[in-house]
Structure formats: structure tokens, C-alpha cells
Amino acid sequence: MSMLIGHATQRLGGYRTLQIGLGMLLLGLICAIFAHGFLPLLMGLAILGIAVAVTVNANNTLLSEIFQERIRQVMALASGLWFTEIGARKPRSKCMDAHLYH
């Protein structure tokens, strides 16, 4: 799904894709609010899910165009550290351990 959205973002441009995503968000909210049954509600929520994917992708594309080098550094840091934070923690120093047990 993200490859299709990325292709559409490159083809249409970031601003146009963001506008389409925000319009889809509005349409999905209206469908979900005025749903009279389960299937119309499900359709509204599906539209909302696709709209969020489109909007986030367009937003990231626009931000990377504006802040080219800095955003790459932040994204590299986030992808390298954010998702591995649970598995790889900094070892505690012996001074801290000694202080806790005395």
C-alpha cells in the first residue's frame, strides 16, 4: 500500500497528495458519523485508514523536501534507536549499582 501511495505522491506532488488525503479524512469522518449500520461504519473507517496513510506519507515527503539534511539525520536516528530501544539499552555503571545497594 505504501508503495502505491509513494508513487502517487511522486507523480502528483506532496501538496496535492496532502490535499487529497485531507479530503479523504473529511469524507471518512462524515461516513463514520452518519453510518446507520455496521457496513457503512466499516467503510468510513476503511476510508479513514487509507486517508491517514496518504496524509502521513505526503507529510513526510513535504518535510523531507523542506528540511533535507536534518530530517535524514533525525529519521536515521529514529529508525536506528527508536525501534531498538527495548532490546539494546546502555549498560549501567558500577558506581550506580554500588550506590543503590548501600
C-alpha atoms as a PDB file:
ATOM      1  CA  MET A   1       0.000   0.000   0.000  1.00  0.00           C
ATOM      2  CA  SER A   2       2.744   2.460   0.898  1.00  0.00           C
ATOM      3  CA  MET A   3       4.477   1.857  -2.426  1.00  0.00           C
ATOM      4  CA  LEU A   4       1.301   2.896  -4.270  1.00  0.00           C
ATOM      5  CA  ILE A   5       0.920   5.963  -2.096  1.00  0.00           C
ATOM      6  CA  GLY A   6       4.589   6.845  -2.576  1.00  0.00           C
ATOM      7  CA  HIS A   7       4.233   6.516  -6.340  1.00  0.00           C
ATOM      8  CA  ALA A   8       1.133   8.741  -6.290  1.00  0.00           C
ATOM      9  CA  THR A   9       2.967  11.282  -4.119  1.00  0.00           C
ATOM     10  CA  GLN A  10       5.866  11.426  -6.563  1.00  0.00           C
ATOM     11  CA  ARG A  11       3.520  11.705  -9.522  1.00  0.00           C
ATOM     12  CA  LEU A  12       1.059  14.273  -8.110  1.00  0.00           C
ATOM     13  CA  GLY A  13       3.353  16.148  -5.741  1.00  0.00           C
ATOM     14  CA  GLY A  14       3.328  16.456  -1.985  1.00  0.00           C
ATOM     15  CA  TYR A  15       0.864  19.329  -1.675  1.00  0.00           C
ATOM     16  CA  ARG A  16      -1.725  17.758  -3.978  1.00  0.00           C
ATOM     17  CA  THR A  17      -1.434  14.386  -2.231  1.00  0.00           C
ATOM     18  CA  LEU A  18      -1.796  16.076   1.161  1.00  0.00           C
ATOM     19  CA  GLN A  19      -4.941  17.838  -0.055  1.00  0.00           C
ATOM     20  CA  ILE A  20      -6.358  14.539  -1.337  1.00  0.00           C
ATOM     21  CA  GLY A  21      -5.544  12.854   1.980  1.00  0.00           C
ATOM     22  CA  LEU A  22      -7.216  15.595   3.995  1.00  0.00           C
ATOM     23  CA  GLY A  23     -10.287  15.416   1.747  1.00  0.00           C
ATOM     24  CA  MET A  24     -10.404  11.655   2.278  1.00  0.00           C
ATOM     25  CA  LEU A  25     -10.156  12.214   6.040  1.00  0.00           C
ATOM     26  CA  LEU A  26     -13.153  14.503   5.896  1.00  0.00           C
ATOM     27  CA  LEU A  27     -15.095  12.023   3.751  1.00  0.00           C
ATOM     28  CA  GLY A  28     -14.242   9.125   6.073  1.00  0.00           C
ATOM     29  CA  LEU A  29     -15.293  11.094   9.153  1.00  0.00           C
ATOM     30  CA  ILE A  30     -18.594  12.051   7.553  1.00  0.00           C
ATOM     31  CA  CYS A  31     -19.225   8.432   6.535  1.00  0.00           C
ATOM     32  CA  ALA A  32     -18.393   7.175  10.032  1.00  0.00           C
ATOM     33  CA  ILE A  33     -20.521   9.795  11.788  1.00  0.00           C
ATOM     34  CA  PHE A  34     -23.634   9.241   9.703  1.00  0.00           C
ATOM     35  CA  ALA A  35     -23.346   5.440   9.457  1.00  0.00           C
ATOM     36  CA  HIS A  36     -26.617   3.611  10.191  1.00  0.00           C
ATOM     37  CA  GLY A  37     -25.148   0.127  10.393  1.00  0.00           C
ATOM     38  CA  PHE A  38     -22.007  -1.897  10.687  1.00  0.00           C
ATOM     39  CA  LEU A  39     -21.015  -1.986   6.996  1.00  0.00           C
ATOM     40  CA  PRO A  40     -21.301   1.792   6.414  1.00  0.00           C
ATOM     41  CA  LEU A  41     -19.277   2.329   9.593  1.00  0.00           C
ATOM     42  CA  LEU A  42     -16.683  -0.148   8.377  1.00  0.00           C
ATOM     43  CA  MET A  43     -16.478   1.662   5.034  1.00  0.00           C
ATOM     44  CA  GLY A  44     -15.978   5.000   6.787  1.00  0.00           C
ATOM     45  CA  LEU A  45     -13.233   3.576   8.961  1.00  0.00           C
ATOM     46  CA  ALA A  46     -11.541   1.980   5.942  1.00  0.00           C
ATOM     47  CA  ILE A  47     -11.552   5.349   4.183  1.00  0.00           C
ATOM     48  CA  LEU A  48     -10.086   6.911   7.335  1.00  0.00           C
ATOM     49  CA  GLY A  49      -7.296   4.328   7.447  1.00  0.00           C
ATOM     50  CA  ILE A  50      -6.330   4.894   3.832  1.00  0.00           C
ATOM     51  CA  ALA A  51      -6.548   8.657   4.329  1.00  0.00           C
ATOM     52  CA  VAL A  52      -4.202   8.530   7.301  1.00  0.00           C
ATOM     53  CA  ALA A  53      -1.667   6.557   5.236  1.00  0.00           C
ATOM     54  CA  VAL A  54      -1.894   9.083   2.384  1.00  0.00           C
ATOM     55  CA  THR A  55      -1.641  12.079   4.715  1.00  0.00           C
ATOM     56  CA  VAL A  56       1.336  10.739   6.688  1.00  0.00           C
ATOM     57  CA  ASN A  57       3.218   9.827   3.518  1.00  0.00           C
ATOM     58  CA  ALA A  58       2.585  13.233   1.933  1.00  0.00           C
ATOM     59  CA  ASN A  59       3.533  14.983   5.169  1.00  0.00           C
ATOM     60  CA  ASN A  60       6.830  13.084   5.384  1.00  0.00           C
ATOM     61  CA  THR A  61       7.568  13.866   1.733  1.00  0.00           C
ATOM     62  CA  LEU A  62       6.951  17.570   2.232  1.00  0.00           C
ATOM     63  CA  LEU A  63       9.055  17.664   5.392  1.00  0.00           C
ATOM     64  CA  SER A  64      11.929  15.878   3.696  1.00  0.00           C
ATOM     65  CA  GLU A  65      11.836  18.404   0.845  1.00  0.00           C
ATOM     66  CA  ILE A  66      11.912  21.335   3.255  1.00  0.00           C
ATOM     67  CA  PHE A  67      14.464  20.021   5.760  1.00  0.00           C
ATOM     68  CA  GLN A  68      16.549  17.745   3.555  1.00  0.00           C
ATOM     69  CA  GLU A  69      19.713  17.017   5.510  1.00  0.00           C
ATOM     70  CA  ARG A  70      18.398  17.484   9.042  1.00  0.00           C
ATOM     71  CA  ILE A  71      15.347  15.270   8.522  1.00  0.00           C
ATOM     72  CA  ARG A  72      17.542  12.483   7.147  1.00  0.00           C
ATOM     73  CA  GLN A  73      19.669  12.605  10.276  1.00  0.00           C
ATOM     74  CA  VAL A  74      16.625  12.560  12.543  1.00  0.00           C
ATOM     75  CA  MET A  75      14.948   9.752  10.590  1.00  0.00           C
ATOM     76  CA  ALA A  76      18.145   7.682  10.657  1.00  0.00           C
ATOM     77  CA  LEU A  77      18.420   8.233  14.387  1.00  0.00           C
ATOM     78  CA  ALA A  78      14.764   7.377  14.930  1.00  0.00           C
ATOM     79  CA  SER A  79      14.844   4.229  12.826  1.00  0.00           C
ATOM     80  CA  GLY A  80      18.071   3.065  14.422  1.00  0.00           C
ATOM     81  CA  LEU A  81      17.345   3.838  18.045  1.00  0.00           C
ATOM     82  CA  TRP A  82      13.605   4.209  18.482  1.00  0.00           C
ATOM     83  CA  PHE A  83      12.676   0.716  17.321  1.00  0.00           C
ATOM     84  CA  THR A  84      15.604  -0.987  19.074  1.00  0.00           C
ATOM     85  CA  GLU A  85      15.295   0.854  22.367  1.00  0.00           C
ATOM     86  CA  ILE A  86      13.782  -2.114  24.177  1.00  0.00           C
ATOM     87  CA  GLY A  87      16.423  -4.628  23.069  1.00  0.00           C
ATOM     88  CA  ALA A  88      19.584  -2.530  23.367  1.00  0.00           C
ATOM     89  CA  ARG A  89      19.991  -0.466  26.468  1.00  0.00           C
ATOM     90  CA  LYS A  90      23.078   1.309  27.713  1.00  0.00           C
ATOM     91  CA  PRO A  91      24.812  -0.742  30.406  1.00  0.00           C
ATOM     92  CA  ARG A  92      24.621   0.731  33.865  1.00  0.00           C
ATOM     93  CA  SER A  93      27.831   1.827  35.520  1.00  0.00           C
ATOM     94  CA  LYS A  94      29.172   0.057  38.606  1.00  0.00           C
ATOM     95  CA  CYS A  95      29.068   3.304  40.553  1.00  0.00           C
ATOM     96  CA  MET A  96      25.300   3.499  40.163  1.00  0.00           C
ATOM     97  CA  ASP A  97      24.868  -0.126  41.265  1.00  0.00           C
ATOM     98  CA  ALA A  98      27.055   0.343  44.317  1.00  0.00           C
ATOM     99  CA  HIS A  99      25.132   3.441  45.301  1.00  0.00           C
ATOM    100  CA  LEU A 100      21.790   1.644  45.030  1.00  0.00           C
ATOM    101  CA  TYR A 101      22.756  -1.280  47.268  1.00  0.00           C
ATOM    102  CA  HIS A 102      24.423   0.633  50.092  1.00  0.00           C
END
